[in-house]
Protein backbone atom coordinates (compact mmCIF):
# COMPACT_ATOMS: atom_id res chain seq x y z
CA MET A 1 104.95 -32.45 -36.63
CA LEU A 2 106.52 -29.04 -36.03
CA SER A 3 103.24 -27.37 -36.97
CA LEU A 4 101.44 -29.44 -34.31
CA LEU A 5 103.97 -28.31 -31.70
CA GLY A 6 103.47 -24.70 -32.82
CA LEU A 7 99.71 -25.08 -32.52
CA PHE A 8 100.03 -26.65 -29.07
CA LEU A 9 102.31 -23.86 -27.84
CA ALA A 10 100.10 -21.12 -29.33
CA ALA A 11 97.03 -22.64 -27.67
CA PHE A 12 98.88 -23.05 -24.37
CA VAL A 13 100.09 -19.45 -24.25
CA ALA A 14 96.68 -18.14 -25.40
CA ALA A 15 95.02 -19.80 -22.39
CA THR A 16 97.37 -18.27 -19.86
CA LEU A 17 97.11 -14.67 -18.73
CA ILE A 18 99.62 -13.70 -21.43
CA PRO A 19 97.80 -12.06 -24.37
CA ALA A 20 98.04 -14.36 -27.37
CA GLN A 21 95.84 -15.95 -30.00
CA SER A 22 95.69 -19.54 -31.22
CA GLU A 23 92.69 -19.40 -33.55
CA ALA A 24 94.70 -18.02 -36.48
CA VAL A 25 97.20 -20.87 -36.19
CA LEU A 26 94.42 -23.46 -36.15
CA VAL A 27 92.66 -21.90 -39.14
CA ALA A 28 95.90 -21.72 -41.14
CA LEU A 29 96.64 -25.40 -40.49
CA LEU A 30 93.08 -26.38 -41.38
CA LEU A 31 93.29 -24.43 -44.64
CA GLU A 32 96.56 -26.22 -45.45
CA GLY A 33 94.63 -29.48 -45.27
CA GLY A 34 95.67 -30.66 -41.83
CA PRO A 35 93.55 -33.38 -40.21
CA PRO A 36 90.74 -31.48 -38.42
CA VAL A 37 90.22 -33.92 -35.55
CA LEU A 38 93.93 -34.03 -34.72
CA LEU A 39 94.30 -30.26 -34.97
CA VAL A 40 91.30 -29.64 -32.72
CA ALA A 41 92.61 -32.20 -30.22
CA VAL A 42 96.09 -30.62 -30.12
CA ALA A 43 94.71 -27.09 -29.77
CA THR A 44 92.34 -28.26 -27.04
CA ALA A 45 95.12 -30.03 -25.14
CA GLY A 46 97.36 -26.95 -25.22
CA ASN A 47 94.55 -24.61 -24.24
CA VAL A 48 93.35 -26.80 -21.38
CA LEU A 49 96.90 -27.13 -20.07
CA GLY A 50 97.24 -23.33 -20.13
CA SER A 51 93.98 -23.05 -18.19
CA LEU A 52 95.34 -25.52 -15.66
CA VAL A 53 98.29 -23.17 -15.14
CA ASN A 54 95.82 -20.36 -14.41
CA TRP A 55 93.89 -22.59 -12.00
CA TRP A 56 97.14 -23.54 -10.22
CA LEU A 57 98.20 -19.88 -10.00
CA GLY A 58 94.80 -19.14 -8.51
CA MET A 59 95.32 -21.84 -5.92
CA GLN A 60 98.69 -20.23 -5.09
CA VAL A 61 97.53 -16.60 -5.31
CA GLN A 62 98.08 -15.74 -1.67
CA ARG A 63 101.62 -17.01 -1.95
CA PHE A 64 102.47 -15.07 -5.13
CA GLN A 65 100.16 -12.05 -5.17
CA GLY A 66 102.57 -9.42 -3.84
CA ARG A 67 105.30 -10.21 -6.35
CA ARG A 68 106.02 -7.81 -9.21
CA TRP A 69 105.87 -10.51 -11.85
CA PHE A 70 102.42 -11.75 -10.79
CA PRO A 71 100.26 -10.91 -13.81
CA VAL A 72 97.01 -9.96 -12.04
CA SER A 73 96.33 -6.82 -10.05
CA ALA A 74 94.39 -7.03 -6.81
CA ALA A 75 91.47 -5.18 -8.41
CA ARG A 76 91.35 -7.53 -11.41
CA LEU A 77 91.53 -10.54 -9.11
CA GLU A 78 88.63 -9.23 -7.01
CA GLN A 79 86.62 -8.65 -10.20
CA ALA A 80 87.22 -12.24 -11.32
CA GLN A 81 86.31 -13.57 -7.87
CA ALA A 82 83.09 -11.55 -7.85
CA TRP A 83 82.18 -12.95 -11.28
CA TYR A 84 82.89 -16.47 -10.09
CA ARG A 85 80.91 -16.00 -6.86
CA ARG A 86 77.97 -14.70 -8.86
CA TYR A 87 77.89 -17.30 -11.62
CA GLY A 88 79.66 -20.23 -9.97
CA ARG A 89 81.36 -23.17 -11.57
CA TRP A 90 79.15 -23.02 -14.65
CA SER A 91 80.96 -19.83 -15.63
CA LEU A 92 83.84 -22.14 -16.58
CA LEU A 93 81.84 -22.94 -19.71
CA LEU A 94 82.82 -19.40 -20.77
CA SER A 95 86.52 -20.13 -20.34
CA TRP A 96 86.81 -20.16 -24.13
CA ALA A 97 85.77 -16.49 -24.38
CA PRO A 98 88.27 -13.73 -25.09
CA VAL A 99 89.08 -11.31 -22.26
CA ILE A 100 86.93 -13.01 -19.56
CA GLY A 101 87.87 -16.66 -20.05
CA ASP A 102 91.38 -16.63 -18.61
CA PRO A 103 90.48 -14.68 -15.47
CA ILE A 104 87.58 -17.08 -14.85
CA THR A 105 90.00 -20.02 -14.76
CA LEU A 106 92.27 -18.12 -12.37
CA ALA A 107 89.28 -17.25 -10.17
CA ALA A 108 88.28 -20.92 -10.10
CA GLY A 109 91.65 -21.68 -8.53
CA VAL A 110 91.36 -18.83 -6.04
CA MET A 111 87.90 -20.12 -5.08
CA ARG A 112 89.37 -23.62 -4.67
CA GLU A 113 87.23 -25.25 -7.34
CA PRO A 114 88.10 -28.96 -7.27
CA LEU A 115 90.06 -30.19 -10.27
CA ARG A 116 87.49 -32.95 -10.87
CA VAL A 117 84.89 -30.22 -11.50
CA PHE A 118 87.18 -27.69 -13.19
CA LEU A 119 88.71 -29.97 -15.79
CA PRO A 120 85.58 -31.42 -17.51
CA LEU A 121 83.93 -28.00 -17.79
CA VAL A 122 87.04 -26.39 -19.25
CA VAL A 123 87.59 -29.27 -21.69
CA ILE A 124 84.00 -28.94 -22.93
CA ALA A 125 84.38 -25.18 -23.38
CA LYS A 126 87.77 -25.27 -25.10
CA ALA A 127 87.04 -28.25 -27.34
CA GLY A 128 83.68 -26.78 -28.29
CA ARG A 129 85.22 -23.50 -29.37
CA TYR A 130 87.89 -25.16 -31.50
CA ALA A 131 85.40 -27.62 -33.01
CA VAL A 132 83.04 -24.82 -34.03
CA LEU A 133 85.95 -22.85 -35.47
CA ALA A 134 87.08 -25.90 -37.47
CA LEU A 135 83.56 -26.54 -38.78
CA LEU A 136 83.20 -22.89 -39.82
CA THR A 137 86.63 -22.89 -41.48
CA LEU A 138 85.86 -26.04 -43.43
CA GLY A 139 82.43 -24.75 -44.44
CA LEU A 140 80.60 -27.51 -42.62
CA MET A 141 78.49 -25.18 -40.51
């Protein structure tokens, strides 16, 4: 049970703008014989929740942007907005990707993407990444 909490927290933090990685935790638990479906579900839940934090911060960006603790510079925010304007909501399917994924979820909030659109696309992206990683780890792919 503690390992599931650790996986959830690692996945949550990895999806926020704080640099972290959850894949190693998932792989380690899979190699220990943990139930793959449960582990993928827990990692997905944590990662999606972290992305929701980014989306919410994006929705609040004008309120928080000038504060020292706000983790995104104005230039980085403009870059993410430009990406989102160019590729639209379908870019959320890349929310699983390192480096670009987290800013895309923040940009979706800034651009006021409705939650009913944001959430399914992010769930598909995050669950897909963890499922592929689990299949590769278990030698099923």
